[in-house]
Amino acid sequence: MKVYRKRGAPLTAELFAERSHANANGCHIWRGSLDSSGYGVIKVDGRGRKAHRVAFETLVGPIPDGYCVMHQCDTPACVNVEHLMLGTHGENMRDMREKGRHVQAWTYQSYDMIRPRQSGRFTTGARRASQ
């Protein structure tokens, strides 16, 4: 069952509770729209915004310039503010590398530029580093 927010309705803790469900890890998984990377999306003032950022701003406070909202749980659809923390872009990239979720987990066997396709597959020449 989809839960819709009336246009102009205030963003509250109850809204995030209604639009998410808790899983075994304590994540509150967003039940609304998701983007192609699995992040929750909510419309605010007529434009789509990442649900975890809106949850953080609504329930914790403003996000300072130069900071992003990082998931400690590594679940893009999680909107549980206890799983979110502020960090710089560099800290987010370091966290990603340390957890093995970065592009260099792939090795390239040719000099061609290899990029992920929209389907999530990689073009010819890419192979997992673990193979």
C-alpha atoms as a PDB file:
ATOM      1  CA  MET A   1       0.000   0.000   0.000  1.00  0.00           C
ATOM      2  CA  LYS A   2       1.453   3.353  -1.010  1.00  0.00           C
ATOM      3  CA  VAL A   3       1.154   6.268   1.361  1.00  0.00           C
ATOM      4  CA  TYR A   4       0.910   9.689  -0.247  1.00  0.00           C
ATOM      5  CA  ARG A   5       1.614  13.043   1.324  1.00  0.00           C
ATOM      6  CA  LYS A   6      -0.909  15.749   0.578  1.00  0.00           C
ATOM      7  CA  ARG A   7       0.616  18.652  -1.291  1.00  0.00           C
ATOM      8  CA  GLY A   8       1.848  21.167   1.250  1.00  0.00           C
ATOM      9  CA  ALA A   9       1.461  18.817   4.231  1.00  0.00           C
ATOM     10  CA  PRO A  10       4.204  19.389   6.813  1.00  0.00           C
ATOM     11  CA  LEU A  11       7.164  17.050   6.987  1.00  0.00           C
ATOM     12  CA  THR A  12       7.039  15.315  10.375  1.00  0.00           C
ATOM     13  CA  ALA A  13       8.415  12.259  12.161  1.00  0.00           C
ATOM     14  CA  GLU A  14       4.978  10.666  11.678  1.00  0.00           C
ATOM     15  CA  LEU A  15       5.244  11.094   7.905  1.00  0.00           C
ATOM     16  CA  PHE A  16       8.579   9.256   7.832  1.00  0.00           C
ATOM     17  CA  ALA A  17       7.160   6.534  10.122  1.00  0.00           C
ATOM     18  CA  GLU A  18       4.154   6.059   7.785  1.00  0.00           C
ATOM     19  CA  ARG A  19       6.279   6.005   4.629  1.00  0.00           C
ATOM     20  CA  SER A  20       8.855   3.485   5.882  1.00  0.00           C
ATOM     21  CA  HIS A  21       9.028   0.089   7.534  1.00  0.00           C
ATOM     22  CA  ALA A  22      11.624  -1.243   9.982  1.00  0.00           C
ATOM     23  CA  ASN A  23      13.749  -4.233   9.036  1.00  0.00           C
ATOM     24  CA  ALA A  24      15.783  -6.622  11.214  1.00  0.00           C
ATOM     25  CA  ASN A  25      18.834  -4.293  11.101  1.00  0.00           C
ATOM     26  CA  GLY A  26      16.864  -1.355  12.508  1.00  0.00           C
ATOM     27  CA  CYS A  27      16.780   0.420   9.146  1.00  0.00           C
ATOM     28  CA  HIS A  28      13.607   2.315   8.291  1.00  0.00           C
ATOM     29  CA  ILE A  29      13.229   1.406   4.617  1.00  0.00           C
ATOM     30  CA  TRP A  30      11.545   4.101   2.511  1.00  0.00           C
ATOM     31  CA  ARG A  31       8.341   2.791   0.889  1.00  0.00           C
ATOM     32  CA  GLY A  32       7.869   5.723  -1.480  1.00  0.00           C
ATOM     33  CA  SER A  33       9.645   6.332  -4.767  1.00  0.00           C
ATOM     34  CA  LEU A  34      13.259   5.228  -5.228  1.00  0.00           C
ATOM     35  CA  ASP A  35      15.821   6.600  -7.658  1.00  0.00           C
ATOM     36  CA  SER A  36      17.974   4.384  -9.905  1.00  0.00           C
ATOM     37  CA  SER A  37      20.573   4.016  -7.110  1.00  0.00           C
ATOM     38  CA  GLY A  38      18.025   2.851  -4.534  1.00  0.00           C
ATOM     39  CA  TYR A  39      17.771   6.114  -2.574  1.00  0.00           C
ATOM     40  CA  GLY A  40      14.333   7.207  -1.408  1.00  0.00           C
ATOM     41  CA  VAL A  41      12.846  10.258  -3.132  1.00  0.00           C
ATOM     42  CA  ILE A  42      10.222  12.646  -1.751  1.00  0.00           C
ATOM     43  CA  LYS A  43       8.752  15.740  -3.379  1.00  0.00           C
ATOM     44  CA  VAL A  44       9.367  18.949  -1.469  1.00  0.00           C
ATOM     45  CA  ASP A  45       8.281  22.281  -2.953  1.00  0.00           C
ATOM     46  CA  GLY A  46       7.573  20.589  -6.275  1.00  0.00           C
ATOM     47  CA  ARG A  47      10.937  18.903  -6.768  1.00  0.00           C
ATOM     48  CA  GLY A  48      12.252  15.446  -5.909  1.00  0.00           C
ATOM     49  CA  ARG A  49      14.773  15.306  -3.060  1.00  0.00           C
ATOM     50  CA  LYS A  50      16.604  12.425  -1.413  1.00  0.00           C
ATOM     51  CA  ALA A  51      14.406  11.145   1.424  1.00  0.00           C
ATOM     52  CA  HIS A  52      17.306  10.512   3.826  1.00  0.00           C
ATOM     53  CA  ARG A  53      18.482  14.125   3.478  1.00  0.00           C
ATOM     54  CA  VAL A  54      14.956  15.453   4.044  1.00  0.00           C
ATOM     55  CA  ALA A  55      14.558  13.149   7.069  1.00  0.00           C
ATOM     56  CA  PHE A  56      17.846  14.424   8.515  1.00  0.00           C
ATOM     57  CA  GLU A  57      16.916  18.083   7.942  1.00  0.00           C
ATOM     58  CA  THR A  58      13.416  17.572   9.363  1.00  0.00           C
ATOM     59  CA  LEU A  59      14.269  15.501  12.424  1.00  0.00           C
ATOM     60  CA  VAL A  60      17.847  16.559  13.283  1.00  0.00           C
ATOM     61  CA  GLY A  61      18.589  19.948  11.758  1.00  0.00           C
ATOM     62  CA  PRO A  62      20.085  21.723   8.756  1.00  0.00           C
ATOM     63  CA  ILE A  63      22.902  20.223   6.705  1.00  0.00           C
ATOM     64  CA  PRO A  64      25.854  22.645   6.689  1.00  0.00           C
ATOM     65  CA  ASP A  65      27.386  23.667   3.362  1.00  0.00           C
ATOM     66  CA  GLY A  66      30.093  21.260   2.270  1.00  0.00           C
ATOM     67  CA  TYR A  67      28.584  18.294   4.129  1.00  0.00           C
ATOM     68  CA  CYS A  68      26.600  15.295   2.976  1.00  0.00           C
ATOM     69  CA  VAL A  69      24.418  12.840   4.879  1.00  0.00           C
ATOM     70  CA  MET A  70      26.120   9.449   5.122  1.00  0.00           C
ATOM     71  CA  HIS A  71      24.469   6.092   5.849  1.00  0.00           C
ATOM     72  CA  GLN A  72      26.259   4.177   8.608  1.00  0.00           C
ATOM     73  CA  CYS A  73      24.146   1.142   7.670  1.00  0.00           C
ATOM     74  CA  ASP A  74      25.035   1.317   3.930  1.00  0.00           C
ATOM     75  CA  THR A  75      21.354   0.975   3.005  1.00  0.00           C
ATOM     76  CA  PRO A  76      20.445   3.722   0.498  1.00  0.00           C
ATOM     77  CA  ALA A  77      16.685   3.488   1.182  1.00  0.00           C
ATOM     78  CA  CYS A  78      17.126   3.870   4.988  1.00  0.00           C
ATOM     79  CA  VAL A  79      15.627   7.041   6.516  1.00  0.00           C
ATOM     80  CA  ASN A  80      16.342   6.168  10.179  1.00  0.00           C
ATOM     81  CA  VAL A  81      18.127   9.266  11.501  1.00  0.00           C
ATOM     82  CA  GLU A  82      20.002   7.067  13.998  1.00  0.00           C
ATOM     83  CA  HIS A  83      21.721   5.476  10.977  1.00  0.00           C
ATOM     84  CA  LEU A  84      22.569   8.824   9.350  1.00  0.00           C
ATOM     85  CA  MET A  85      25.514  11.107  10.052  1.00  0.00           C
ATOM     86  CA  LEU A  86      27.068  14.191   8.573  1.00  0.00           C
ATOM     87  CA  GLY A  87      30.381  13.976   6.749  1.00  0.00           C
ATOM     88  CA  THR A  88      32.334  15.653   4.016  1.00  0.00           C
ATOM     89  CA  HIS A  89      32.444  14.244   0.503  1.00  0.00           C
ATOM     90  CA  GLY A  90      35.981  13.026   1.223  1.00  0.00           C
ATOM     91  CA  GLU A  91      34.850  11.200   4.373  1.00  0.00           C
ATOM     92  CA  ASN A  92      32.014   9.590   2.418  1.00  0.00           C
ATOM     93  CA  MET A  93      34.452   8.401  -0.276  1.00  0.00           C
ATOM     94  CA  ARG A  94      36.875   7.070   2.376  1.00  0.00           C
ATOM     95  CA  ASP A  95      34.012   5.198   4.070  1.00  0.00           C
ATOM     96  CA  MET A  96      33.023   3.745   0.696  1.00  0.00           C
ATOM     97  CA  ARG A  97      36.601   2.574  -0.032  1.00  0.00           C
ATOM     98  CA  GLU A  98      37.051   1.056   3.422  1.00  0.00           C
ATOM     99  CA  LYS A  99      33.852  -0.948   2.989  1.00  0.00           C
ATOM    100  CA  GLY A 100      34.784  -2.119  -0.519  1.00  0.00           C
ATOM    101  CA  ARG A 101      31.971  -0.296  -2.342  1.00  0.00           C
ATOM    102  CA  HIS A 102      34.114   1.619  -4.831  1.00  0.00           C
ATOM    103  CA  VAL A 103      34.880   1.505  -8.549  1.00  0.00           C
ATOM    104  CA  GLN A 104      38.420   0.215  -7.996  1.00  0.00           C
ATOM    105  CA  ALA A 105      36.889  -3.090  -6.917  1.00  0.00           C
ATOM    106  CA  TRP A 106      36.869  -3.721 -10.684  1.00  0.00           C
ATOM    107  CA  THR A 107      39.991  -4.260 -12.752  1.00  0.00           C
ATOM    108  CA  TYR A 108      40.284  -3.215 -16.374  1.00  0.00           C
ATOM    109  CA  GLN A 109      41.825  -5.528 -18.922  1.00  0.00           C
ATOM    110  CA  SER A 110      41.940  -3.063 -21.772  1.00  0.00           C
ATOM    111  CA  TYR A 111      42.737   0.591 -22.245  1.00  0.00           C
ATOM    112  CA  ASP A 112      39.152   1.300 -23.257  1.00  0.00           C
ATOM    113  CA  MET A 113      37.050   3.368 -20.902  1.00  0.00           C
ATOM    114  CA  ILE A 114      34.658   0.949 -19.227  1.00  0.00           C
ATOM    115  CA  ARG A 115      31.549   2.299 -17.547  1.00  0.00           C
ATOM    116  CA  PRO A 116      28.541   0.618 -15.986  1.00  0.00           C
ATOM    117  CA  ARG A 117      25.519   0.492 -18.227  1.00  0.00           C
ATOM    118  CA  GLN A 118      22.063   1.599 -17.111  1.00  0.00           C
ATOM    119  CA  SER A 119      21.195  -2.080 -16.513  1.00  0.00           C
ATOM    120  CA  GLY A 120      23.983  -2.410 -13.949  1.00  0.00           C
ATOM    121  CA  ARG A 121      26.121  -4.610 -16.193  1.00  0.00           C
ATOM    122  CA  PHE A 122      29.618  -3.670 -17.230  1.00  0.00           C
ATOM    123  CA  THR A 123      30.916  -3.497 -20.744  1.00  0.00           C
ATOM    124  CA  THR A 124      33.364  -6.090 -22.078  1.00  0.00           C
ATOM    125  CA  GLY A 125      36.744  -6.079 -20.380  1.00  0.00           C
ATOM    126  CA  ALA A 126      35.658  -5.560 -16.791  1.00  0.00           C
ATOM    127  CA  ARG A 127      36.142  -8.350 -14.300  1.00  0.00           C
ATOM    128  CA  ARG A 128      35.800  -8.471 -10.546  1.00  0.00           C
ATOM    129  CA  ALA A 129      39.142  -8.053  -8.769  1.00  0.00           C
ATOM    130  CA  SER A 130      38.357 -11.123  -6.639  1.00  0.00           C
ATOM    131  CA  GLN A 131      38.272 -13.432  -9.690  1.00  0.00           C
END
